[in-house]
Amino acid sequence: MSKIDKTFQVPYYAVIFSSRRTDGDKGYSVMADKMVELASLQEGFLGVESARDNELGITVSYWSSLESIKKWKEHSSHQIAQEKGKKDWYQNFSLRVCKVERDNFFEM
């Protein structure tokens, strides 16, 4: 996924999604790409970062407001992906919403 190489005006919000996948893709990769593309079109979306190894995946999406996060959670296509994730793609997952009050970016 794309790397964030800038800072955003604080405060803003980070949604941290950590997961352990089930075996096999089962359409996950296509849906994940579709969700990032769709999220990027939503009002209040600022960016996304993601990393995954063989066991753990972490995706952090950044939003301008709690209201924009709520609208994304309730988006019909996102709800379909959420249900598919619970049923087919994840052994377990956690979701955290955090308010970012400080943001620094250093390029070396």
Protein backbone atom coordinates (compact mmCIF):
# COMPACT_ATOMS: atom_id res chain seq x y z
CA MET A 1 0.00 0.00 0.00
CA SER A 2 1.01 3.58 -0.33
CA LYS A 3 3.43 5.16 2.07
CA ILE A 4 2.47 8.40 3.77
CA ASP A 5 5.26 10.87 3.10
CA LYS A 6 3.72 13.99 4.55
CA THR A 7 2.00 15.21 7.66
CA PHE A 8 -1.60 16.25 8.09
CA GLN A 9 -3.07 19.19 9.96
CA VAL A 10 -3.74 18.11 13.54
CA PRO A 11 -5.93 17.04 15.07
CA TYR A 12 -7.06 14.18 12.84
CA TYR A 13 -7.95 10.54 13.43
CA ALA A 14 -6.25 7.22 12.80
CA VAL A 15 -8.16 3.97 12.43
CA ILE A 16 -5.83 1.08 13.23
CA PHE A 17 -6.97 -2.30 11.91
CA SER A 18 -4.83 -5.27 13.00
CA SER A 19 -5.63 -8.76 11.74
CA ARG A 20 -4.59 -12.36 11.44
CA ARG A 21 -5.71 -13.87 8.13
CA THR A 22 -7.13 -17.28 7.37
CA ASP A 23 -5.32 -19.48 4.83
CA GLY A 24 -5.76 -18.68 1.15
CA ASP A 25 -6.67 -15.44 -0.59
CA LYS A 26 -10.38 -16.14 -1.25
CA GLY A 27 -10.73 -12.81 -3.09
CA TYR A 28 -9.14 -10.79 -0.29
CA SER A 29 -6.49 -8.99 -2.37
CA VAL A 30 -8.97 -7.72 -4.95
CA MET A 31 -11.38 -6.52 -2.25
CA ALA A 32 -8.60 -4.86 -0.23
CA ASP A 33 -7.48 -2.87 -3.28
CA LYS A 34 -11.09 -1.94 -4.05
CA MET A 35 -11.67 -0.73 -0.47
CA VAL A 36 -8.57 1.50 -0.51
CA GLU A 37 -9.65 2.96 -3.83
CA LEU A 38 -13.20 3.55 -2.57
CA ALA A 39 -12.06 4.94 0.80
CA SER A 40 -9.81 7.41 -0.98
CA LEU A 41 -12.90 8.91 -2.64
CA GLN A 42 -14.68 9.50 0.67
CA GLU A 43 -14.95 12.95 2.21
CA GLY A 44 -12.48 13.28 5.07
CA PHE A 45 -10.10 10.53 3.91
CA LEU A 46 -6.47 11.61 4.30
CA GLY A 47 -4.40 8.50 3.53
CA VAL A 48 -3.56 4.91 4.37
CA GLU A 49 -0.53 2.82 5.33
CA SER A 50 -0.42 -0.96 5.49
CA ALA A 51 2.01 -3.74 6.31
CA ARG A 52 1.61 -7.51 6.46
CA ASP A 53 3.87 -10.44 7.17
CA ASN A 54 2.99 -14.14 7.31
CA GLU A 55 1.05 -13.71 10.56
CA LEU A 56 0.00 -10.13 11.27
CA GLY A 57 -1.40 -7.35 9.13
CA ILE A 58 -1.79 -3.74 10.19
CA THR A 59 -3.60 -1.09 8.18
CA VAL A 60 -3.85 2.48 9.42
CA SER A 61 -6.23 4.83 7.66
CA TYR A 62 -6.27 8.55 8.42
CA TRP A 63 -9.40 10.68 8.57
CA SER A 64 -10.23 14.33 9.20
CA SER A 65 -13.13 13.62 11.58
CA LEU A 66 -15.03 11.01 13.55
CA GLU A 67 -18.03 11.68 11.31
CA SER A 68 -16.05 10.74 8.19
CA ILE A 69 -14.97 7.48 9.89
CA LYS A 70 -18.59 6.73 10.80
CA LYS A 71 -19.74 7.33 7.21
CA TRP A 72 -17.02 5.02 5.89
CA LYS A 73 -17.98 2.31 8.39
CA GLU A 74 -21.58 2.55 7.19
CA HIS A 75 -20.77 2.65 3.44
CA SER A 76 -22.66 -0.22 1.79
CA SER A 77 -19.66 -1.63 -0.12
CA HIS A 78 -17.49 -1.42 2.99
CA GLN A 79 -20.14 -3.26 5.00
CA ILE A 80 -20.07 -6.10 2.46
CA ALA A 81 -16.29 -6.31 2.82
CA GLN A 82 -16.59 -6.25 6.62
CA GLU A 83 -19.00 -9.21 6.60
CA LYS A 84 -16.83 -11.15 4.15
CA GLY A 85 -13.84 -10.49 6.39
CA LYS A 86 -15.61 -11.85 9.46
CA LYS A 87 -16.83 -14.89 7.55
CA ASP A 88 -13.89 -15.78 5.28
CA TRP A 89 -10.70 -13.75 5.69
CA TYR A 90 -9.83 -13.21 9.35
CA GLN A 91 -9.00 -15.52 12.22
CA ASN A 92 -9.24 -12.45 14.45
CA PHE A 93 -8.92 -8.70 14.22
CA SER A 94 -8.97 -5.54 16.29
CA LEU A 95 -9.98 -2.01 15.45
CA ARG A 96 -8.81 1.09 17.26
CA VAL A 97 -9.71 4.72 16.62
CA CYS A 98 -7.22 7.29 17.88
CA LYS A 99 -7.07 11.07 17.85
CA VAL A 100 -3.74 12.30 16.51
CA GLU A 101 -2.64 15.47 18.26
CA ARG A 102 0.96 15.58 17.04
CA ASP A 103 2.38 14.71 13.64
CA ASN A 104 6.00 14.94 12.56
CA PHE A 105 7.60 13.53 9.43
CA PHE A 106 11.36 13.24 8.98
CA GLU A 107 13.01 12.25 5.75
CA MET A 108 16.53 10.91 5.98
